[in-house]
Amino acid sequence: MINKEIAKYIEKFILPQYKSNDKGHGINHIMYVIERSFKFADTVKDINLDMVYVIAAYHDIGHKIDVKNHEVVSAQLLLNDEKLKEFFTDEQMKLMSEAIEDHRASLTTEPRSIYGKIVSSADRNVNLDEILMRTYEYRIKHSSDLSIEEIIDESYNHIMDKFGKNGYATNKMYFEDPDYETFLKELEVFLSDRKEFFKRYCEVNNIQQPVKKCLF
C-alpha cells in the first residue's frame, strides 16, 4: 500500500503539472505508466512501492522544460523536492533520480537498478493508435514548420526506428509482458504496408485537409 501522505502530495502538487506537457507526455500517459509500474513491481520481491509510485509520477515532469533532455531535468527536479526528503532517505532519493534518468528507451545503456527497469518497461506503449496520436501531437507542437506530408514521413520513420525489427525500444523490456510482445508483432505487419500506415495515421489524427499521401 502507498503511503497516503506521499500519494496526497503527488496528486495535489505533481500530477497537475502535467497539464503543461504535450498530450503524449501528459497526465493520461503518466497514469498509464504508474499502473504498469505497479504491475511489474508486483513481480519483484521486497520492492518499495512508494518509490515505484514516485518514480513513475515524476519520470516526464521535466518534458515541458527540455524535451531532448527531459529525463535529466526530471531527475533533478525530484532531487530538489524538499517535500520528498521527508519520506525518503538520501540513498532512496538517489535511486529514484537514477531510475528516472535511465527510463528512456533511446539510451544505449541499461537502467542501473530494478527501479529503472520497472519504469522503463512501464513506459513502453502497447496501443498503436495512441502512438500515432503521440507522434502527430509531438510534431505539431515542436515542429510546426513541417508540412503534413513531412510530419507523416517523420512519424513513420520514428516509429520504425523505435519499434521496428531492430528498433531501439524493441528489446528494451525487462519484464515478461505478453501485451508488448503482441503489440510488436502486430506493429511489424502494420509497418510493412506504408500505404496503410498513411491511411490510418490520417484517420486516427482526423487529418481532413487534402494530403496527397492520405488519398488513395
N, C-alpha and C. Protein backbone atom coordinates (compact mmCIF):
# COMPACT_ATOMS: atom_id res chain seq x y z
N MET A 1 0.84 -1.21 0.00
CA MET A 1 0.00 0.00 0.00
C MET A 1 0.88 1.25 0.00
N ILE A 2 0.47 2.26 -0.75
CA ILE A 2 1.21 3.50 -0.85
C ILE A 2 0.96 4.37 0.38
N ASN A 3 2.01 5.01 0.85
CA ASN A 3 1.89 5.97 1.94
C ASN A 3 0.87 7.05 1.54
N LYS A 4 -0.14 7.22 2.34
CA LYS A 4 -1.23 8.14 1.99
C LYS A 4 -0.76 9.59 1.87
N GLU A 5 0.22 9.97 2.69
CA GLU A 5 0.72 11.34 2.63
C GLU A 5 1.52 11.59 1.35
N ILE A 6 2.26 10.58 0.92
CA ILE A 6 3.00 10.70 -0.34
C ILE A 6 2.02 10.80 -1.50
N ALA A 7 1.02 9.93 -1.50
CA ALA A 7 0.02 9.95 -2.57
C ALA A 7 -0.71 11.29 -2.62
N LYS A 8 -1.05 11.80 -1.47
CA LYS A 8 -1.75 13.08 -1.39
C LYS A 8 -0.89 14.22 -1.97
N TYR A 9 0.39 14.21 -1.63
CA TYR A 9 1.31 15.24 -2.13
C TYR A 9 1.46 15.15 -3.66
N ILE A 10 1.69 13.93 -4.16
CA ILE A 10 1.87 13.73 -5.59
C ILE A 10 0.62 14.15 -6.36
N GLU A 11 -0.53 13.73 -5.86
CA GLU A 11 -1.79 14.03 -6.55
C GLU A 11 -2.12 15.52 -6.55
N LYS A 12 -1.73 16.22 -5.50
CA LYS A 12 -2.07 17.63 -5.38
C LYS A 12 -1.06 18.56 -6.04
N PHE A 13 0.22 18.20 -5.98
CA PHE A 13 1.25 19.14 -6.42
C PHE A 13 2.07 18.69 -7.63
N ILE A 14 2.14 17.40 -7.90
CA ILE A 14 2.98 16.92 -9.00
C ILE A 14 2.17 16.59 -10.25
N LEU A 15 1.17 15.76 -10.12
CA LEU A 15 0.39 15.36 -11.29
C LEU A 15 -0.25 16.53 -12.04
N PRO A 16 -0.75 17.58 -11.34
CA PRO A 16 -1.33 18.71 -12.07
C PRO A 16 -0.35 19.42 -12.99
N GLN A 17 0.95 19.28 -12.73
CA GLN A 17 1.95 19.95 -13.57
C GLN A 17 1.99 19.38 -14.98
N TYR A 18 1.46 18.18 -15.16
CA TYR A 18 1.47 17.57 -16.48
C TYR A 18 0.50 18.22 -17.46
N LYS A 19 -0.31 19.13 -16.97
CA LYS A 19 -1.19 19.88 -17.86
C LYS A 19 -0.40 20.71 -18.85
N SER A 20 0.85 21.03 -18.50
CA SER A 20 1.71 21.85 -19.36
C SER A 20 2.45 21.02 -20.40
N ASN A 21 2.44 19.72 -20.27
CA ASN A 21 3.12 18.85 -21.23
C ASN A 21 2.23 18.60 -22.45
N ASP A 22 2.85 18.18 -23.56
CA ASP A 22 2.03 17.76 -24.69
C ASP A 22 1.28 16.49 -24.29
N LYS A 23 0.22 16.16 -25.02
CA LYS A 23 -0.65 15.05 -24.63
C LYS A 23 0.09 13.72 -24.56
N GLY A 24 1.10 13.56 -25.39
CA GLY A 24 1.85 12.31 -25.39
C GLY A 24 2.63 12.08 -24.12
N HIS A 25 2.85 13.16 -23.38
CA HIS A 25 3.57 13.07 -22.11
C HIS A 25 2.77 13.72 -20.99
N GLY A 26 1.44 13.72 -21.17
CA GLY A 26 0.55 14.35 -20.21
C GLY A 26 0.05 13.38 -19.15
N ILE A 27 -1.00 13.78 -18.48
CA ILE A 27 -1.48 13.03 -17.32
C ILE A 27 -1.96 11.63 -17.68
N ASN A 28 -2.58 11.46 -18.84
CA ASN A 28 -3.04 10.12 -19.22
C ASN A 28 -1.87 9.15 -19.36
N HIS A 29 -0.80 9.64 -19.96
CA HIS A 29 0.40 8.80 -20.10
C HIS A 29 0.98 8.48 -18.73
N ILE A 30 1.03 9.45 -17.85
CA ILE A 30 1.61 9.24 -16.53
C ILE A 30 0.81 8.20 -15.75
N MET A 31 -0.51 8.30 -15.81
CA MET A 31 -1.34 7.32 -15.10
C MET A 31 -1.16 5.92 -15.69
N TYR A 32 -0.96 5.86 -16.98
CA TYR A 32 -0.69 4.59 -17.67
C TYR A 32 0.62 3.98 -17.16
N VAL A 33 1.66 4.81 -17.05
CA VAL A 33 2.96 4.34 -16.59
C VAL A 33 2.91 3.94 -15.12
N ILE A 34 2.18 4.68 -14.31
CA ILE A 34 2.02 4.32 -12.90
C ILE A 34 1.38 2.94 -12.78
N GLU A 35 0.31 2.72 -13.52
CA GLU A 35 -0.41 1.44 -13.46
C GLU A 35 0.49 0.28 -13.87
N ARG A 36 1.21 0.47 -14.98
CA ARG A 36 2.10 -0.60 -15.45
C ARG A 36 3.30 -0.78 -14.52
N SER A 37 3.76 0.28 -13.90
CA SER A 37 4.88 0.16 -12.95
C SER A 37 4.49 -0.73 -11.78
N PHE A 38 3.28 -0.55 -11.26
CA PHE A 38 2.81 -1.40 -10.17
C PHE A 38 2.68 -2.85 -10.63
N LYS A 39 2.25 -3.03 -11.87
CA LYS A 39 2.10 -4.38 -12.42
C LYS A 39 3.44 -5.12 -12.41
N PHE A 40 4.49 -4.45 -12.86
CA PHE A 40 5.81 -5.09 -12.88
C PHE A 40 6.40 -5.19 -11.48
N ALA A 41 6.16 -4.18 -10.66
CA ALA A 41 6.69 -4.18 -9.30
C ALA A 41 6.15 -5.35 -8.49
N ASP A 42 4.93 -5.76 -8.78
CA ASP A 42 4.31 -6.88 -8.06
C ASP A 42 5.06 -8.19 -8.26
N THR A 43 5.92 -8.24 -9.28
CA THR A 43 6.68 -9.47 -9.54
C THR A 43 8.05 -9.44 -8.88
N VAL A 44 8.36 -8.34 -8.19
CA VAL A 44 9.68 -8.17 -7.58
C VAL A 44 9.57 -8.26 -6.05
N LYS A 45 10.38 -9.09 -5.45
CA LYS A 45 10.36 -9.26 -4.01
C LYS A 45 10.98 -8.06 -3.30
N ASP A 46 10.35 -7.64 -2.22
CA ASP A 46 10.86 -6.57 -1.35
C ASP A 46 11.04 -5.24 -2.08
N ILE A 47 10.20 -4.95 -3.05
CA ILE A 47 10.27 -3.67 -3.75
C ILE A 47 9.55 -2.60 -2.93
N ASN A 48 10.05 -1.39 -2.99
CA ASN A 48 9.43 -0.27 -2.28
C ASN A 48 8.40 0.39 -3.20
N LEU A 49 7.13 0.16 -2.93
CA LEU A 49 6.08 0.66 -3.82
C LEU A 49 5.95 2.18 -3.77
N ASP A 50 6.31 2.79 -2.65
CA ASP A 50 6.30 4.25 -2.58
C ASP A 50 7.30 4.83 -3.59
N MET A 51 8.47 4.21 -3.68
CA MET A 51 9.48 4.66 -4.63
C MET A 51 9.02 4.42 -6.07
N VAL A 52 8.43 3.27 -6.30
CA VAL A 52 7.91 2.96 -7.65
C VAL A 52 6.90 4.01 -8.08
N TYR A 53 6.02 4.37 -7.17
CA TYR A 53 4.98 5.35 -7.47
C TYR A 53 5.57 6.73 -7.78
N VAL A 54 6.48 7.17 -6.95
CA VAL A 54 7.07 8.50 -7.14
C VAL A 54 7.88 8.56 -8.44
N ILE A 55 8.63 7.53 -8.73
CA ILE A 55 9.42 7.49 -9.97
C ILE A 55 8.51 7.61 -11.18
N ALA A 56 7.45 6.81 -11.21
CA ALA A 56 6.53 6.85 -12.34
C ALA A 56 5.85 8.21 -12.45
N ALA A 57 5.49 8.78 -11.31
CA ALA A 57 4.81 10.08 -11.31
C ALA A 57 5.72 11.21 -11.77
N TYR A 58 7.01 11.07 -11.55
CA TYR A 58 7.98 12.12 -11.85
C TYR A 58 8.68 11.96 -13.20
N HIS A 59 8.58 10.82 -13.84
CA HIS A 59 9.54 10.49 -14.90
C HIS A 59 9.52 11.43 -16.10
N ASP A 60 8.39 12.10 -16.38
CA ASP A 60 8.32 13.03 -17.51
C ASP A 60 8.04 14.47 -17.07
N ILE A 61 8.21 14.77 -15.81
CA ILE A 61 7.84 16.09 -15.28
C ILE A 61 8.64 17.22 -15.93
N GLY A 62 9.85 16.91 -16.38
CA GLY A 62 10.70 17.94 -16.99
C GLY A 62 10.54 18.09 -18.48
N HIS A 63 9.57 17.37 -19.06
CA HIS A 63 9.41 17.39 -20.52
C HIS A 63 9.08 18.78 -21.04
N LYS A 64 8.31 19.53 -20.30
CA LYS A 64 7.92 20.88 -20.75
C LYS A 64 9.08 21.86 -20.68
N ILE A 65 10.13 21.51 -19.93
CA ILE A 65 11.29 22.38 -19.77
C ILE A 65 12.34 22.11 -20.83
N ASP A 66 12.64 20.83 -21.06
CA ASP A 66 13.67 20.45 -22.03
C ASP A 66 13.29 19.09 -22.62
N VAL A 67 12.72 19.10 -23.80
CA VAL A 67 12.22 17.88 -24.42
C VAL A 67 13.34 16.85 -24.60
N LYS A 68 14.47 17.29 -25.16
CA LYS A 68 15.52 16.36 -25.51
C LYS A 68 16.26 15.79 -24.30
N ASN A 69 16.25 16.51 -23.21
CA ASN A 69 16.96 16.05 -22.02
C ASN A 69 16.01 15.95 -20.82
N HIS A 70 14.76 15.64 -21.10
CA HIS A 70 13.76 15.70 -20.04
C HIS A 70 14.02 14.72 -18.91
N GLU A 71 14.68 13.58 -19.21
CA GLU A 71 14.94 12.61 -18.15
C GLU A 71 15.92 13.17 -17.11
N VAL A 72 16.89 13.95 -17.58
CA VAL A 72 17.86 14.56 -16.67
C VAL A 72 17.20 15.67 -15.85
N VAL A 73 16.41 16.49 -16.52
CA VAL A 73 15.69 17.58 -15.83
C VAL A 73 14.71 17.00 -14.81
N SER A 74 13.99 15.97 -15.20
CA SER A 74 13.02 15.34 -14.29
C SER A 74 13.71 14.78 -13.05
N ALA A 75 14.85 14.14 -13.27
CA ALA A 75 15.60 13.57 -12.14
C ALA A 75 16.06 14.66 -11.18
N GLN A 76 16.50 15.77 -11.75
CA GLN A 76 16.98 16.87 -10.91
C GLN A 76 15.83 17.52 -10.14
N LEU A 77 14.68 17.64 -10.77
CA LEU A 77 13.52 18.19 -10.08
C LEU A 77 13.14 17.33 -8.88
N LEU A 78 13.24 16.02 -9.06
CA LEU A 78 12.96 15.13 -7.93
C LEU A 78 13.98 15.34 -6.81
N LEU A 79 15.25 15.40 -7.17
CA LEU A 79 16.30 15.59 -6.15
C LEU A 79 16.13 16.90 -5.39
N ASN A 80 15.58 17.89 -6.05
CA ASN A 80 15.39 19.21 -5.42
C ASN A 80 14.10 19.32 -4.63
N ASP A 81 13.29 18.28 -4.64
CA ASP A 81 11.99 18.32 -3.98
C ASP A 81 12.17 18.10 -2.48
N GLU A 82 12.08 19.17 -1.71
CA GLU A 82 12.29 19.09 -0.27
C GLU A 82 11.20 18.28 0.42
N LYS A 83 10.01 18.29 -0.12
CA LYS A 83 8.92 17.53 0.49
C LYS A 83 9.19 16.05 0.44
N LEU A 84 9.72 15.57 -0.66
CA LEU A 84 10.01 14.14 -0.78
C LEU A 84 11.06 13.68 0.23
N LYS A 85 11.95 14.60 0.60
CA LYS A 85 13.00 14.24 1.56
C LYS A 85 12.44 13.96 2.94
N GLU A 86 11.20 14.32 3.17
CA GLU A 86 10.55 13.99 4.44
C GLU A 86 10.18 12.51 4.50
N PHE A 87 10.11 11.87 3.33
CA PHE A 87 9.65 10.49 3.26
C PHE A 87 10.75 9.50 2.87
N PHE A 88 11.80 9.99 2.20
CA PHE A 88 12.83 9.10 1.68
C PHE A 88 14.23 9.49 2.15
N THR A 89 15.10 8.48 2.26
CA THR A 89 16.48 8.72 2.63
C THR A 89 17.25 9.29 1.44
N ASP A 90 18.45 9.76 1.68
CA ASP A 90 19.28 10.28 0.59
C ASP A 90 19.55 9.19 -0.44
N GLU A 91 19.78 7.97 0.04
CA GLU A 91 20.06 6.87 -0.88
C GLU A 91 18.84 6.54 -1.73
N GLN A 92 17.67 6.59 -1.13
CA GLN A 92 16.44 6.34 -1.89
C GLN A 92 16.18 7.44 -2.91
N MET A 93 16.47 8.67 -2.53
CA MET A 93 16.32 9.79 -3.47
C MET A 93 17.25 9.60 -4.66
N LYS A 94 18.47 9.15 -4.37
CA LYS A 94 19.45 8.92 -5.44
C LYS A 94 18.98 7.80 -6.36
N LEU A 95 18.48 6.71 -5.79
CA LEU A 95 17.98 5.60 -6.60
C LEU A 95 16.82 6.03 -7.50
N MET A 96 15.93 6.83 -6.94
CA MET A 96 14.78 7.29 -7.73
C MET A 96 15.21 8.21 -8.86
N SER A 97 16.15 9.09 -8.58
CA SER A 97 16.62 10.01 -9.62
C SER A 97 17.33 9.26 -10.74
N GLU A 98 18.11 8.25 -10.38
CA GLU A 98 18.79 7.44 -11.39
C GLU A 98 17.80 6.67 -12.24
N ALA A 99 16.75 6.16 -11.60
CA ALA A 99 15.73 5.42 -12.35
C ALA A 99 15.07 6.31 -13.39
N ILE A 100 14.79 7.55 -13.01
CA ILE A 100 14.19 8.50 -13.94
C ILE A 100 15.15 8.83 -15.07
N GLU A 101 16.41 9.03 -14.74
CA GLU A 101 17.42 9.32 -15.78
C GLU A 101 17.55 8.16 -16.77
N ASP A 102 17.31 6.95 -16.29
CA ASP A 102 17.55 5.75 -17.10
C ASP A 102 16.34 5.25 -17.87
N HIS A 103 15.19 5.95 -17.78
CA HIS A 103 13.95 5.35 -18.29
C HIS A 103 13.79 5.38 -19.80
N ARG A 104 14.49 6.25 -20.50
CA ARG A 104 14.25 6.39 -21.94
C ARG A 104 14.76 5.20 -22.73
N ALA A 105 13.95 4.74 -23.66
CA ALA A 105 14.31 3.58 -24.48
C ALA A 105 15.47 3.89 -25.42
N SER A 106 15.65 5.16 -25.76
CA SER A 106 16.69 5.54 -26.71
C SER A 106 18.09 5.54 -26.10
N LEU A 107 18.20 5.40 -24.80
CA LEU A 107 19.51 5.36 -24.17
C LEU A 107 20.22 4.06 -24.54
N THR A 108 21.54 4.11 -24.64
CA THR A 108 22.31 2.94 -25.07
C THR A 108 22.64 2.00 -23.92
N THR A 109 22.47 2.46 -22.69
CA THR A 109 22.79 1.64 -21.52
C THR A 109 21.52 1.15 -20.83
N GLU A 110 21.65 0.08 -20.06
CA GLU A 110 20.52 -0.43 -19.30
C GLU A 110 20.33 0.39 -18.02
N PRO A 111 19.12 0.43 -17.50
CA PRO A 111 18.90 1.10 -16.22
C PRO A 111 19.79 0.51 -15.13
N ARG A 112 20.23 1.37 -14.21
CA ARG A 112 21.17 0.95 -13.18
C ARG A 112 20.55 0.15 -12.05
N SER A 113 19.25 0.17 -11.92
CA SER A 113 18.61 -0.54 -10.81
C SER A 113 17.30 -1.16 -11.28
N ILE A 114 16.72 -1.99 -10.43
CA ILE A 114 15.43 -2.60 -10.74
C ILE A 114 14.36 -1.54 -10.88
N TYR A 115 14.51 -0.42 -10.16
CA TYR A 115 13.52 0.66 -10.25
C TYR A 115 13.55 1.30 -11.63
N GLY A 116 14.74 1.45 -12.18
CA GLY A 116 14.85 1.99 -13.53
C GLY A 116 14.28 1.04 -14.56
N LYS A 117 14.47 -0.26 -14.36
CA LYS A 117 13.94 -1.25 -15.28
C LYS A 117 12.42 -1.29 -15.22
N ILE A 118 11.87 -1.06 -14.04
CA ILE A 118 10.41 -1.05 -13.90
C ILE A 118 9.80 0.10 -14.69
N VAL A 119 10.29 1.33 -14.45
CA VAL A 119 9.68 2.48 -15.11
C VAL A 119 9.98 2.49 -16.61
N SER A 120 11.15 2.01 -17.00
CA SER A 120 11.48 1.93 -18.42
C SER A 120 10.55 0.97 -19.13
N SER A 121 10.30 -0.18 -18.54
CA SER A 121 9.39 -1.17 -19.12
C SER A 121 7.97 -0.64 -19.14
N ALA A 122 7.57 0.02 -18.06
CA ALA A 122 6.21 0.57 -17.96
C ALA A 122 5.97 1.66 -18.98
N ASP A 123 7.03 2.32 -19.41
CA ASP A 123 6.93 3.45 -20.35
C ASP A 123 6.72 3.01 -21.78
N ARG A 124 6.81 1.71 -22.06
CA ARG A 124 6.58 1.20 -23.40
C ARG A 124 5.08 1.17 -23.69
N ASN A 125 4.69 1.83 -24.75
CA ASN A 125 3.28 1.90 -25.11
C ASN A 125 2.87 0.66 -25.91
N VAL A 126 1.67 0.16 -25.66
CA VAL A 126 1.21 -1.03 -26.38
C VAL A 126 -0.06 -0.76 -27.18
N ASN A 127 -0.39 0.51 -27.36
CA ASN A 127 -1.58 0.89 -28.12
C ASN A 127 -1.16 1.63 -29.38
N LEU A 128 -1.42 1.05 -30.55
CA LEU A 128 -0.97 1.63 -31.81
C LEU A 128 -1.56 3.01 -32.07
N ASP A 129 -2.87 3.15 -31.89
CA ASP A 129 -3.50 4.44 -32.16
C ASP A 129 -2.94 5.52 -31.25
N GLU A 130 -2.64 5.15 -30.01
CA GLU A 130 -2.05 6.12 -29.08
C GLU A 130 -0.69 6.58 -29.58
N ILE A 131 0.09 5.67 -30.12
CA ILE A 131 1.41 6.03 -30.66
C ILE A 131 1.27 6.95 -31.86
N LEU A 132 0.32 6.65 -32.73
CA LEU A 132 0.09 7.50 -33.90
C LEU A 132 -0.31 8.91 -33.48
N MET A 133 -1.14 9.01 -32.45
CA MET A 133 -1.55 10.32 -31.95
C MET A 133 -0.40 11.05 -31.28
N ARG A 134 0.40 10.32 -30.52
CA ARG A 134 1.53 10.94 -29.81
C ARG A 134 2.55 11.51 -30.79
N THR A 135 2.87 10.76 -31.85
CA THR A 135 3.86 11.24 -32.81
C THR A 135 3.35 12.47 -33.56
N TYR A 136 2.05 12.49 -33.82
CA TYR A 136 1.45 13.64 -34.50
C TYR A 136 1.44 14.88 -33.60
N GLU A 137 0.95 14.72 -32.39
CA GLU A 137 0.85 15.85 -31.46
C GLU A 137 2.22 16.42 -31.13
N TYR A 138 3.20 15.53 -30.98
CA TYR A 138 4.56 15.99 -30.68
C TYR A 138 5.09 16.87 -31.81
N ARG A 139 4.90 16.44 -33.04
CA ARG A 139 5.44 17.21 -34.17
C ARG A 139 4.65 18.49 -34.43
N ILE A 140 3.37 18.46 -34.19
CA ILE A 140 2.58 19.68 -34.32
C ILE A 140 3.07 20.74 -33.34
N LYS A 141 3.43 20.31 -32.14
CA LYS A 141 3.86 21.25 -31.10
C LYS A 141 5.31 21.68 -31.26
N HIS A 142 6.17 20.75 -31.65
CA HIS A 142 7.61 21.04 -31.65
C HIS A 142 8.21 21.24 -33.05
N SER A 143 7.45 20.94 -34.10
CA SER A 143 7.96 21.11 -35.47
C SER A 143 6.87 21.72 -36.33
N SER A 144 6.38 22.85 -35.92
CA SER A 144 5.23 23.48 -36.59
C SER A 144 5.54 23.95 -38.01
N ASP A 145 6.82 23.98 -38.39
CA ASP A 145 7.19 24.42 -39.73
C ASP A 145 7.07 23.30 -40.76
N LEU A 146 6.82 22.08 -40.30
CA LEU A 146 6.74 20.95 -41.22
C LEU A 146 5.37 20.89 -41.90
N SER A 147 5.36 20.41 -43.14
CA SER A 147 4.09 20.17 -43.82
C SER A 147 3.48 18.90 -43.27
N ILE A 148 2.20 18.67 -43.55
CA ILE A 148 1.55 17.44 -43.10
C ILE A 148 2.26 16.22 -43.67
N GLU A 149 2.63 16.30 -44.93
CA GLU A 149 3.34 15.18 -45.54
C GLU A 149 4.66 14.88 -44.82
N GLU A 150 5.38 15.93 -44.46
CA GLU A 150 6.65 15.75 -43.75
C GLU A 150 6.42 15.19 -42.35
N ILE A 151 5.36 15.64 -41.70
CA ILE A 151 5.03 15.13 -40.36
C ILE A 151 4.74 13.63 -40.43
N ILE A 152 3.98 13.22 -41.45
CA ILE A 152 3.65 11.80 -41.59
C ILE A 152 4.91 10.98 -41.87
N ASP A 153 5.77 11.49 -42.74
CA ASP A 153 7.03 10.80 -43.04
C ASP A 153 7.89 10.66 -41.79
N GLU A 154 8.03 11.75 -41.06
CA GLU A 154 8.86 11.73 -39.84
C GLU A 154 8.28 10.77 -38.80
N SER A 155 6.97 10.78 -38.70
CA SER A 155 6.31 9.91 -37.73
C SER A 155 6.54 8.44 -38.08
N TYR A 156 6.40 8.11 -39.34
CA TYR A 156 6.63 6.73 -39.78
C TYR A 156 8.07 6.31 -39.46
N ASN A 157 9.03 7.16 -39.81
CA ASN A 157 10.44 6.83 -39.59
C ASN A 157 10.75 6.70 -38.10
N HIS A 158 10.13 7.56 -37.29
CA HIS A 158 10.35 7.50 -35.84
C HIS A 158 9.83 6.19 -35.27
N ILE A 159 8.62 5.82 -35.66
CA ILE A 159 8.03 4.58 -35.15
C ILE A 159 8.83 3.37 -35.62
N MET A 160 9.29 3.40 -36.86
CA MET A 160 10.11 2.31 -37.38
C MET A 160 11.43 2.21 -36.61
N ASP A 161 12.07 3.36 -36.37
CA ASP A 161 13.34 3.37 -35.64
C ASP A 161 13.17 2.88 -34.20
N LYS A 162 12.01 3.16 -33.63
CA LYS A 162 11.79 2.82 -32.23
C LYS A 162 11.27 1.40 -32.04
N PHE A 163 10.29 1.01 -32.86
CA PHE A 163 9.62 -0.27 -32.65
C PHE A 163 9.81 -1.28 -33.77
N GLY A 164 10.56 -0.93 -34.80
CA GLY A 164 10.79 -1.86 -35.90
C GLY A 164 11.60 -3.07 -35.46
N LYS A 165 11.89 -3.95 -36.40
CA LYS A 165 12.58 -5.20 -36.08
C LYS A 165 13.85 -4.98 -35.29
N ASN A 166 14.59 -3.97 -35.65
CA ASN A 166 15.83 -3.65 -34.93
C ASN A 166 15.72 -2.32 -34.19
N GLY A 167 14.50 -1.95 -33.84
CA GLY A 167 14.27 -0.68 -33.18
C GLY A 167 14.89 -0.60 -31.79
N TYR A 168 15.19 0.62 -31.38
CA TYR A 168 15.89 0.79 -30.09
C TYR A 168 15.01 0.45 -28.89
N ALA A 169 13.69 0.40 -29.07
CA ALA A 169 12.80 0.04 -27.95
C ALA A 169 12.31 -1.39 -28.03
N THR A 170 12.59 -2.05 -29.12
CA THR A 170 12.05 -3.39 -29.33
C THR A 170 12.48 -4.36 -28.23
N ASN A 171 13.71 -4.26 -27.83
CA ASN A 171 14.23 -5.18 -26.81
C ASN A 171 14.41 -4.53 -25.45
N LYS A 172 13.94 -3.32 -25.31
CA LYS A 172 14.07 -2.63 -24.02
C LYS A 172 12.88 -2.96 -23.10
N MET A 173 12.70 -4.23 -22.85
CA MET A 173 11.65 -4.68 -21.95
C MET A 173 12.29 -5.64 -20.96
N TYR A 174 12.21 -5.31 -19.69
CA TYR A 174 12.93 -6.06 -18.67
C TYR A 174 12.03 -6.98 -17.86
N PHE A 175 10.75 -7.08 -18.28
CA PHE A 175 9.81 -7.97 -17.62
C PHE A 175 8.99 -8.70 -18.67
N GLU A 176 8.46 -9.84 -18.30
CA GLU A 176 7.59 -10.56 -19.22
C GLU A 176 6.32 -9.75 -19.43
N ASP A 177 6.01 -9.48 -20.68
CA ASP A 177 4.87 -8.62 -20.98
C ASP A 177 4.22 -9.09 -22.29
N PRO A 178 3.27 -10.02 -22.20
CA PRO A 178 2.60 -10.54 -23.40
C PRO A 178 1.96 -9.45 -24.25
N ASP A 179 1.44 -8.41 -23.60
CA ASP A 179 0.81 -7.32 -24.34
C ASP A 179 1.82 -6.63 -25.25
N TYR A 180 3.02 -6.43 -24.75
CA TYR A 180 4.05 -5.76 -25.55
C TYR A 180 4.52 -6.67 -26.69
N GLU A 181 4.64 -7.95 -26.42
CA GLU A 181 5.06 -8.90 -27.45
C GLU A 181 4.03 -8.95 -28.58
N THR A 182 2.76 -8.98 -28.20
CA THR A 182 1.69 -8.99 -29.21
C THR A 182 1.70 -7.70 -30.01
N PHE A 183 1.88 -6.58 -29.32
CA PHE A 183 1.92 -5.27 -29.97
C PHE A 183 3.04 -5.22 -31.01
N LEU A 184 4.23 -5.69 -30.66
CA LEU A 184 5.36 -5.64 -31.59
C LEU A 184 5.11 -6.49 -32.84
N LYS A 185 4.48 -7.63 -32.66
CA LYS A 185 4.17 -8.49 -33.81
C LYS A 185 3.16 -7.82 -34.73
N GLU A 186 2.13 -7.25 -34.15
CA GLU A 186 1.11 -6.57 -34.95
C GLU A 186 1.68 -5.33 -35.63
N LEU A 187 2.55 -4.63 -34.93
CA LEU A 187 3.14 -3.42 -35.48
C LEU A 187 4.07 -3.74 -36.65
N GLU A 188 4.78 -4.84 -36.57
CA GLU A 188 5.67 -5.24 -37.66
C GLU A 188 4.89 -5.42 -38.95
N VAL A 189 3.73 -6.05 -38.86
CA VAL A 189 2.87 -6.25 -40.03
C VAL A 189 2.35 -4.91 -40.52
N PHE A 190 1.91 -4.08 -39.60
CA PHE A 190 1.35 -2.77 -39.94
C PHE A 190 2.37 -1.89 -40.65
N LEU A 191 3.60 -1.86 -40.16
CA LEU A 191 4.63 -1.00 -40.75
C LEU A 191 5.10 -1.49 -42.11
N SER A 192 4.84 -2.74 -42.41
CA SER A 192 5.26 -3.28 -43.71
C SER A 192 4.41 -2.74 -44.85
N ASP A 193 3.27 -2.16 -44.51
CA ASP A 193 2.36 -1.59 -45.52
C ASP A 193 2.32 -0.08 -45.32
N ARG A 194 3.20 0.61 -46.00
CA ARG A 194 3.32 2.06 -45.80
C ARG A 194 2.04 2.79 -46.21
N LYS A 195 1.37 2.29 -47.22
CA LYS A 195 0.12 2.90 -47.67
C LYS A 195 -0.92 2.84 -46.56
N GLU A 196 -1.02 1.70 -45.91
CA GLU A 196 -1.98 1.53 -44.81
C GLU A 196 -1.60 2.43 -43.63
N PHE A 197 -0.29 2.59 -43.43
CA PHE A 197 0.17 3.47 -42.34
C PHE A 197 -0.34 4.89 -42.55
N PHE A 198 -0.14 5.43 -43.74
CA PHE A 198 -0.56 6.80 -44.02
C PHE A 198 -2.08 6.95 -43.87
N LYS A 199 -2.79 5.95 -44.33
CA LYS A 199 -4.25 6.00 -44.26
C LYS A 199 -4.73 6.03 -42.81
N ARG A 200 -4.19 5.12 -42.02
CA ARG A 200 -4.63 5.05 -40.62
C ARG A 200 -4.15 6.25 -39.83
N TYR A 201 -2.96 6.73 -40.13
CA TYR A 201 -2.42 7.92 -39.46
C TYR A 201 -3.36 9.11 -39.63
N CYS A 202 -3.83 9.30 -40.84
CA CYS A 202 -4.75 10.41 -41.13
C CYS A 202 -6.09 10.20 -40.43
N GLU A 203 -6.58 8.98 -40.41
CA GLU A 203 -7.86 8.69 -39.77
C GLU A 203 -7.79 8.93 -38.26
N VAL A 204 -6.76 8.39 -37.64
CA VAL A 204 -6.61 8.50 -36.18
C VAL A 204 -6.45 9.94 -35.74
N ASN A 205 -5.72 10.72 -36.54
CA ASN A 205 -5.44 12.11 -36.17
C ASN A 205 -6.42 13.10 -36.79
N ASN A 206 -7.45 12.56 -37.44
CA ASN A 206 -8.51 13.39 -38.00
C ASN A 206 -7.96 14.47 -38.92
N ILE A 207 -7.05 14.07 -39.78
CA ILE A 207 -6.45 15.00 -40.74
C ILE A 207 -7.40 15.12 -41.92
N GLN A 208 -8.06 16.25 -42.03
CA GLN A 208 -9.11 16.44 -43.02
C GLN A 208 -8.63 17.13 -44.29
N GLN A 209 -7.60 17.96 -44.16
CA GLN A 209 -7.15 18.72 -45.33
C GLN A 209 -6.58 17.77 -46.37
N PRO A 210 -6.65 18.13 -47.65
CA PRO A 210 -6.12 17.25 -48.70
C PRO A 210 -4.64 16.99 -48.51
N VAL A 211 -4.32 15.73 -48.37
CA VAL A 211 -2.93 15.30 -48.22
C VAL A 211 -2.69 14.20 -49.23
N LYS A 212 -1.78 14.45 -50.11
CA LYS A 212 -1.56 13.53 -51.23
C LYS A 212 -1.38 12.10 -50.77
N LYS A 213 -0.58 11.90 -49.71
CA LYS A 213 -0.28 10.54 -49.27
C LYS A 213 -1.43 9.90 -48.52
N CYS A 214 -2.45 10.65 -48.20
CA CYS A 214 -3.58 10.09 -47.48
C CYS A 214 -4.76 9.80 -48.40
N LEU A 215 -4.62 10.15 -49.67
CA LEU A 215 -5.69 9.92 -50.62
C LEU A 215 -5.34 8.74 -51.52
N PHE A 216 -6.18 7.72 -51.47
CA PHE A 216 -5.87 6.52 -52.23
C PHE A 216 -7.06 6.15 -53.13
